[in-house]
N, C-alpha and C. Protein backbone atom coordinates (compact mmCIF):
# COMPACT_ATOMS: atom_id res chain seq x y z
N MET A 1 -26.71 56.22 110.57
CA MET A 1 -25.28 56.32 110.73
C MET A 1 -24.92 57.76 111.08
N GLU A 2 -23.97 57.88 111.97
CA GLU A 2 -23.47 59.20 112.38
C GLU A 2 -22.28 59.56 111.49
N LEU A 3 -22.54 60.19 110.35
CA LEU A 3 -21.48 60.53 109.40
C LEU A 3 -21.06 61.99 109.48
N SER A 4 -21.72 62.77 110.31
CA SER A 4 -21.42 64.20 110.36
C SER A 4 -20.03 64.49 110.92
N ASN A 5 -19.41 63.53 111.61
CA ASN A 5 -18.08 63.75 112.20
C ASN A 5 -16.96 63.13 111.37
N ILE A 6 -17.28 62.52 110.24
CA ILE A 6 -16.26 61.91 109.39
C ILE A 6 -15.30 62.99 108.90
N GLY A 7 -14.00 62.74 109.08
CA GLY A 7 -12.98 63.68 108.61
C GLY A 7 -12.76 64.88 109.49
N ARG A 8 -13.43 64.93 110.64
CA ARG A 8 -13.29 66.08 111.54
C ARG A 8 -12.36 65.74 112.69
N ILE A 9 -11.63 66.73 113.15
CA ILE A 9 -10.77 66.60 114.32
C ILE A 9 -11.27 67.57 115.37
N SER A 10 -11.60 67.04 116.54
CA SER A 10 -12.11 67.88 117.62
C SER A 10 -12.03 67.11 118.93
N VAL A 11 -11.97 67.81 120.02
CA VAL A 11 -11.94 67.19 121.34
C VAL A 11 -13.23 66.37 121.53
N GLY A 12 -13.06 65.14 121.98
CA GLY A 12 -14.20 64.28 122.25
C GLY A 12 -14.60 63.38 121.09
N LEU A 13 -14.10 63.64 119.87
CA LEU A 13 -14.41 62.78 118.73
C LEU A 13 -13.43 61.62 118.68
N ASN A 14 -13.85 60.51 118.05
CA ASN A 14 -12.94 59.37 117.87
C ASN A 14 -11.75 59.80 117.03
N ALA A 15 -10.60 59.29 117.38
CA ALA A 15 -9.39 59.56 116.61
C ALA A 15 -8.93 58.25 115.98
N ASP A 16 -9.58 57.87 114.89
CA ASP A 16 -9.21 56.67 114.14
C ASP A 16 -8.46 57.14 112.90
N LEU A 17 -7.14 56.94 112.90
CA LEU A 17 -6.34 57.42 111.79
C LEU A 17 -5.02 56.68 111.71
N ILE A 18 -4.30 56.89 110.62
CA ILE A 18 -3.00 56.27 110.40
C ILE A 18 -1.97 57.37 110.19
N LEU A 19 -0.86 57.28 110.93
CA LEU A 19 0.24 58.24 110.81
C LEU A 19 1.37 57.62 110.00
N PHE A 20 1.84 58.34 109.00
CA PHE A 20 2.92 57.87 108.13
C PHE A 20 4.10 58.82 108.22
N LYS A 21 5.30 58.29 107.99
CA LYS A 21 6.49 59.12 107.91
C LYS A 21 6.77 59.44 106.44
N ALA A 22 5.90 60.21 105.85
CA ALA A 22 6.06 60.60 104.45
C ALA A 22 5.69 62.06 104.31
N ARG A 23 6.43 62.76 103.47
CA ARG A 23 6.16 64.18 103.25
C ARG A 23 5.27 64.41 102.05
N TYR A 24 5.29 63.47 101.10
CA TYR A 24 4.53 63.61 99.86
C TYR A 24 3.86 62.27 99.55
N PHE A 25 2.84 62.30 98.71
CA PHE A 25 2.18 61.06 98.31
C PHE A 25 3.17 60.11 97.63
N SER A 26 4.11 60.64 96.86
CA SER A 26 5.09 59.78 96.19
C SER A 26 5.91 58.99 97.20
N GLU A 27 6.27 59.62 98.33
CA GLU A 27 6.99 58.90 99.38
C GLU A 27 6.08 57.88 100.07
N LEU A 28 4.84 58.23 100.27
CA LEU A 28 3.89 57.33 100.91
C LEU A 28 3.69 56.07 100.08
N LEU A 29 3.57 56.23 98.77
CA LEU A 29 3.28 55.10 97.90
C LEU A 29 4.50 54.30 97.47
N SER A 30 5.70 54.84 97.66
CA SER A 30 6.90 54.16 97.18
C SER A 30 7.51 53.21 98.21
N ARG A 31 7.01 53.21 99.44
CA ARG A 31 7.54 52.32 100.47
C ARG A 31 6.42 51.55 101.15
N SER A 32 6.79 50.52 101.86
CA SER A 32 5.79 49.64 102.48
C SER A 32 5.09 50.27 103.68
N GLN A 33 5.64 51.30 104.26
CA GLN A 33 5.07 51.99 105.43
C GLN A 33 4.91 51.05 106.62
N SER A 34 5.86 50.15 106.81
CA SER A 34 5.79 49.23 107.94
C SER A 34 5.99 49.94 109.28
N ASP A 35 6.46 51.18 109.24
CA ASP A 35 6.65 51.93 110.48
C ASP A 35 5.45 52.84 110.79
N ARG A 36 4.34 52.60 110.11
CA ARG A 36 3.15 53.44 110.34
C ARG A 36 2.60 53.22 111.74
N ILE A 37 1.85 54.19 112.21
CA ILE A 37 1.19 54.09 113.52
C ILE A 37 -0.31 54.17 113.26
N VAL A 38 -1.02 53.14 113.70
CA VAL A 38 -2.48 53.10 113.53
C VAL A 38 -3.11 53.45 114.87
N LEU A 39 -3.96 54.46 114.86
CA LEU A 39 -4.66 54.88 116.08
C LEU A 39 -6.14 54.50 116.00
N ARG A 40 -6.64 53.90 117.05
CA ARG A 40 -8.07 53.62 117.22
C ARG A 40 -8.50 54.31 118.50
N ARG A 41 -9.46 55.19 118.36
CA ARG A 41 -9.92 55.98 119.51
C ARG A 41 -8.77 56.70 120.20
N GLY A 42 -7.81 57.14 119.41
CA GLY A 42 -6.70 57.94 119.92
C GLY A 42 -5.56 57.17 120.51
N LYS A 43 -5.62 55.84 120.50
CA LYS A 43 -4.55 55.03 121.09
C LYS A 43 -3.94 54.12 120.02
N PRO A 44 -2.61 53.98 120.03
CA PRO A 44 -1.97 53.11 119.04
C PRO A 44 -2.35 51.65 119.26
N ILE A 45 -2.58 50.94 118.15
CA ILE A 45 -2.90 49.51 118.23
C ILE A 45 -1.66 48.71 117.84
N ASN A 46 -1.67 47.44 118.17
CA ASN A 46 -0.58 46.53 117.82
C ASN A 46 -0.70 46.19 116.34
N THR A 47 0.31 46.53 115.55
CA THR A 47 0.29 46.24 114.12
C THR A 47 1.24 45.11 113.75
N ASN A 48 1.78 44.40 114.74
CA ASN A 48 2.65 43.26 114.46
C ASN A 48 1.82 42.14 113.86
N LEU A 49 2.35 41.52 112.82
CA LEU A 49 1.65 40.41 112.19
C LEU A 49 1.75 39.17 113.06
N PRO A 50 0.69 38.36 113.11
CA PRO A 50 0.73 37.14 113.92
C PRO A 50 1.60 36.08 113.26
N ASP A 51 2.07 35.15 114.05
CA ASP A 51 2.80 34.00 113.54
C ASP A 51 1.85 33.16 112.68
N TYR A 52 2.36 32.54 111.63
CA TYR A 52 1.49 31.72 110.77
C TYR A 52 0.77 30.63 111.54
N ALA A 53 1.43 30.04 112.53
CA ALA A 53 0.82 28.97 113.32
C ALA A 53 -0.42 29.48 114.06
N ASP A 54 -0.43 30.74 114.43
CA ASP A 54 -1.59 31.31 115.11
C ASP A 54 -2.80 31.43 114.19
N LEU A 55 -2.58 31.37 112.89
CA LEU A 55 -3.67 31.51 111.93
C LEU A 55 -4.23 30.17 111.46
N ASP A 56 -3.61 29.06 111.87
CA ASP A 56 -4.05 27.74 111.40
C ASP A 56 -5.52 27.48 111.66
N ASN A 57 -6.02 27.82 112.84
CA ASN A 57 -7.42 27.57 113.14
C ASN A 57 -8.35 28.34 112.22
N LEU A 58 -7.98 29.53 111.84
CA LEU A 58 -8.81 30.32 110.93
C LEU A 58 -8.86 29.69 109.54
N VAL A 59 -7.72 29.22 109.07
CA VAL A 59 -7.65 28.60 107.75
C VAL A 59 -8.41 27.29 107.74
N LEU A 60 -8.26 26.48 108.77
CA LEU A 60 -8.95 25.19 108.82
C LEU A 60 -10.46 25.37 108.88
N VAL A 61 -10.93 26.33 109.63
CA VAL A 61 -12.37 26.59 109.72
C VAL A 61 -12.91 27.01 108.36
N ASN A 62 -12.19 27.90 107.66
CA ASN A 62 -12.60 28.33 106.33
C ASN A 62 -12.63 27.17 105.36
N ARG A 63 -11.61 26.33 105.40
CA ARG A 63 -11.52 25.20 104.49
C ARG A 63 -12.68 24.23 104.71
N GLU A 64 -12.99 23.94 105.98
CA GLU A 64 -14.08 23.02 106.29
C GLU A 64 -15.42 23.62 105.84
N HIS A 65 -15.59 24.91 106.02
CA HIS A 65 -16.84 25.58 105.62
C HIS A 65 -17.02 25.50 104.10
N ASN A 66 -15.95 25.75 103.36
CA ASN A 66 -16.03 25.73 101.89
C ASN A 66 -16.27 24.32 101.35
N GLN A 67 -15.74 23.30 102.02
CA GLN A 67 -15.94 21.93 101.57
C GLN A 67 -17.37 21.46 101.82
N SER A 68 -18.05 21.99 102.82
CA SER A 68 -19.40 21.55 103.13
C SER A 68 -20.44 22.20 102.22
N MET A 69 -20.04 23.16 101.41
CA MET A 69 -20.99 23.86 100.54
C MET A 69 -21.26 23.09 99.28
């Protein structure tokens, strides 16, 4: 594993991080932070939750797997 770059910020390194609108840990922990920005490789990802109907196939597959055990 390449762990020597964990926690480092530098040109050319992956930028996987979360940006919050909080000044202190108390502010960070006291709200849901739904306005956070998640960066993967320096680009914001979509953090919108999927519709429940879009998750039906995942739930059904899990249920069938657990019943066959």
